[in-house]
């Protein structure tokens, strides 16, 4: 999927991804890992992830990037866990430098 997005946005060298209903953050961090893994393909690009949810409380948790072992072990390959997270007691912290914005959607 990333190569197709890169091709479609080549003239702008900018990629903005909206992660709707992002809840406690696994989704936006998964996207950030994909972008980081794309490495040279996105060199010199402006990338941004916009994470939104109805609940401000879950967005605050998402911003912190702190997850329990259970939360990160569901579907995340161990190689990515070791590469992009730091162990902090019983929790792990995301180590992904990316431009991200967390926004609450209020109806």
C-alpha atoms as a PDB file:
ATOM      1  CA  UNK A   1       0.000   0.000   0.000  1.00  0.00           C
ATOM      2  CA  UNK A   2       2.796   2.464   0.819  1.00  0.00           C
ATOM      3  CA  UNK A   3       4.393   2.199  -2.670  1.00  0.00           C
ATOM      4  CA  UNK A   4       1.040   3.055  -4.293  1.00  0.00           C
ATOM      5  CA  UNK A   5       0.594   6.073  -2.020  1.00  0.00           C
ATOM      6  CA  UNK A   6       4.148   7.215  -2.754  1.00  0.00           C
ATOM      7  CA  UNK A   7       3.525   6.966  -6.474  1.00  0.00           C
ATOM      8  CA  UNK A   8       0.220   8.859  -6.254  1.00  0.00           C
ATOM      9  CA  UNK A   9       1.754  11.652  -4.131  1.00  0.00           C
ATOM     10  CA  UNK A  10       5.199  11.851  -5.781  1.00  0.00           C
ATOM     11  CA  UNK A  11       4.715  15.411  -7.028  1.00  0.00           C
ATOM     12  CA  UNK A  12       3.743  16.714  -3.585  1.00  0.00           C
ATOM     13  CA  UNK A  13       6.158  14.579  -1.526  1.00  0.00           C
ATOM     14  CA  UNK A  14       3.602  14.801   1.243  1.00  0.00           C
ATOM     15  CA  UNK A  15       1.516  12.111   2.867  1.00  0.00           C
ATOM     16  CA  UNK A  16      -1.266  12.747   5.382  1.00  0.00           C
ATOM     17  CA  UNK A  17      -3.096   9.737   6.795  1.00  0.00           C
ATOM     18  CA  UNK A  18      -6.289   9.991   8.824  1.00  0.00           C
ATOM     19  CA  UNK A  19      -6.763   7.293  11.421  1.00  0.00           C
ATOM     20  CA  UNK A  20     -10.453   7.548  12.369  1.00  0.00           C
ATOM     21  CA  UNK A  21     -11.683   5.957  15.608  1.00  0.00           C
ATOM     22  CA  UNK A  22      -8.091   5.506  16.721  1.00  0.00           C
ATOM     23  CA  UNK A  23      -9.077   4.595  20.274  1.00  0.00           C
ATOM     24  CA  UNK A  24      -6.033   4.037  22.505  1.00  0.00           C
ATOM     25  CA  UNK A  25      -3.523   4.300  19.707  1.00  0.00           C
ATOM     26  CA  UNK A  26      -2.517   0.928  18.355  1.00  0.00           C
ATOM     27  CA  UNK A  27      -3.737   1.894  14.877  1.00  0.00           C
ATOM     28  CA  UNK A  28      -1.846   5.200  14.482  1.00  0.00           C
ATOM     29  CA  UNK A  29       1.328   3.617  15.869  1.00  0.00           C
ATOM     30  CA  UNK A  30       0.946   0.697  13.441  1.00  0.00           C
ATOM     31  CA  UNK A  31       0.746   3.201  10.588  1.00  0.00           C
ATOM     32  CA  UNK A  32       3.791   5.040  11.960  1.00  0.00           C
ATOM     33  CA  UNK A  33       5.740   1.764  12.006  1.00  0.00           C
ATOM     34  CA  UNK A  34       4.796   1.098   8.366  1.00  0.00           C
ATOM     35  CA  UNK A  35       5.978   4.575   7.378  1.00  0.00           C
ATOM     36  CA  UNK A  36       9.226   4.180   9.292  1.00  0.00           C
ATOM     37  CA  UNK A  37       9.824   0.762   7.734  1.00  0.00           C
ATOM     38  CA  UNK A  38       9.378   2.352   4.278  1.00  0.00           C
ATOM     39  CA  UNK A  39      12.604   4.242   5.089  1.00  0.00           C
ATOM     40  CA  UNK A  40      14.349   5.539   1.965  1.00  0.00           C
ATOM     41  CA  UNK A  41      11.110   5.490  -0.024  1.00  0.00           C
ATOM     42  CA  UNK A  42       9.859   8.413   2.114  1.00  0.00           C
ATOM     43  CA  UNK A  43      13.173  10.214   2.576  1.00  0.00           C
ATOM     44  CA  UNK A  44      12.587  13.952   2.266  1.00  0.00           C
ATOM     45  CA  UNK A  45       8.822  13.562   2.482  1.00  0.00           C
ATOM     46  CA  UNK A  46       6.472  15.332   4.870  1.00  0.00           C
ATOM     47  CA  UNK A  47       4.404  12.665   6.616  1.00  0.00           C
ATOM     48  CA  UNK A  48       1.595  13.223   9.070  1.00  0.00           C
ATOM     49  CA  UNK A  49      -0.817  10.946  10.880  1.00  0.00           C
ATOM     50  CA  UNK A  50      -4.058  12.457  12.172  1.00  0.00           C
ATOM     51  CA  UNK A  51      -5.648  10.275  14.848  1.00  0.00           C
ATOM     52  CA  UNK A  52      -9.216  11.054  15.862  1.00  0.00           C
ATOM     53  CA  UNK A  53     -11.736   9.618  18.283  1.00  0.00           C
ATOM     54  CA  UNK A  54     -14.872  10.662  20.152  1.00  0.00           C
ATOM     55  CA  UNK A  55     -13.240  10.065  23.534  1.00  0.00           C
ATOM     56  CA  UNK A  56     -10.662  12.554  24.766  1.00  0.00           C
ATOM     57  CA  UNK A  57      -9.580  10.054  27.456  1.00  0.00           C
ATOM     58  CA  UNK A  58      -8.536   7.370  24.970  1.00  0.00           C
ATOM     59  CA  UNK A  59      -6.789   9.979  22.822  1.00  0.00           C
ATOM     60  CA  UNK A  60      -4.704  11.038  25.825  1.00  0.00           C
ATOM     61  CA  UNK A  61      -3.666   7.407  26.305  1.00  0.00           C
ATOM     62  CA  UNK A  62      -2.847   7.199  22.616  1.00  0.00           C
ATOM     63  CA  UNK A  63      -0.672  10.338  22.735  1.00  0.00           C
ATOM     64  CA  UNK A  64       1.363   8.880  25.580  1.00  0.00           C
ATOM     65  CA  UNK A  65       2.303   5.856  23.473  1.00  0.00           C
ATOM     66  CA  UNK A  66       2.422   3.581  26.530  1.00  0.00           C
ATOM     67  CA  UNK A  67       0.915   0.128  26.086  1.00  0.00           C
ATOM     68  CA  UNK A  68       0.643  -3.044  28.147  1.00  0.00           C
ATOM     69  CA  UNK A  69       2.383  -6.199  26.954  1.00  0.00           C
ATOM     70  CA  UNK A  70      -1.051  -7.633  26.126  1.00  0.00           C
ATOM     71  CA  UNK A  71      -1.947  -4.658  23.917  1.00  0.00           C
ATOM     72  CA  UNK A  72       1.219  -4.829  21.812  1.00  0.00           C
ATOM     73  CA  UNK A  73       1.487  -8.602  21.560  1.00  0.00           C
ATOM     74  CA  UNK A  74      -1.831  -8.962  19.721  1.00  0.00           C
ATOM     75  CA  UNK A  75      -0.741  -9.215  16.109  1.00  0.00           C
ATOM     76  CA  UNK A  76       2.541  -7.288  16.346  1.00  0.00           C
ATOM     77  CA  UNK A  77       5.548  -9.291  15.131  1.00  0.00           C
ATOM     78  CA  UNK A  78       8.262  -9.535  17.795  1.00  0.00           C
ATOM     79  CA  UNK A  79      10.811  -7.915  15.438  1.00  0.00           C
ATOM     80  CA  UNK A  80       8.720  -4.727  15.287  1.00  0.00           C
ATOM     81  CA  UNK A  81       8.109  -4.783  19.038  1.00  0.00           C
ATOM     82  CA  UNK A  82      11.841  -4.928  19.746  1.00  0.00           C
ATOM     83  CA  UNK A  83      12.671  -2.339  17.075  1.00  0.00           C
ATOM     84  CA  UNK A  84      10.055   0.322  17.873  1.00  0.00           C
ATOM     85  CA  UNK A  85       9.274  -0.027  21.588  1.00  0.00           C
ATOM     86  CA  UNK A  86      11.194   0.302  24.846  1.00  0.00           C
ATOM     87  CA  UNK A  87      10.402  -1.863  27.871  1.00  0.00           C
ATOM     88  CA  UNK A  88       9.324   0.169  30.894  1.00  0.00           C
ATOM     89  CA  UNK A  89       8.396  -2.229  33.693  1.00  0.00           C
ATOM     90  CA  UNK A  90       5.225  -4.064  32.725  1.00  0.00           C
ATOM     91  CA  UNK A  91       4.524  -1.552  29.951  1.00  0.00           C
ATOM     92  CA  UNK A  92       6.221  -0.682  26.679  1.00  0.00           C
ATOM     93  CA  UNK A  93       6.686   2.798  25.225  1.00  0.00           C
ATOM     94  CA  UNK A  94       6.542   3.577  21.515  1.00  0.00           C
ATOM     95  CA  UNK A  95       9.734   5.090  20.091  1.00  0.00           C
ATOM     96  CA  UNK A  96       8.478   6.415  16.768  1.00  0.00           C
ATOM     97  CA  UNK A  97       9.394   9.921  15.700  1.00  0.00           C
ATOM     98  CA  UNK A  98       6.591  11.000  13.398  1.00  0.00           C
ATOM     99  CA  UNK A  99       4.449  14.028  12.880  1.00  0.00           C
ATOM    100  CA  UNK A 100       1.145  13.175  14.491  1.00  0.00           C
ATOM    101  CA  UNK A 101      -1.910  15.015  15.728  1.00  0.00           C
ATOM    102  CA  UNK A 102      -4.563  13.643  18.057  1.00  0.00           C
ATOM    103  CA  UNK A 103      -7.991  15.270  17.775  1.00  0.00           C
ATOM    104  CA  UNK A 104     -11.237  14.686  19.582  1.00  0.00           C
ATOM    105  CA  UNK A 105     -14.377  14.664  17.458  1.00  0.00           C
ATOM    106  CA  UNK A 106     -17.336  16.040  19.355  1.00  0.00           C
ATOM    107  CA  UNK A 107     -20.832  15.679  17.893  1.00  0.00           C
END
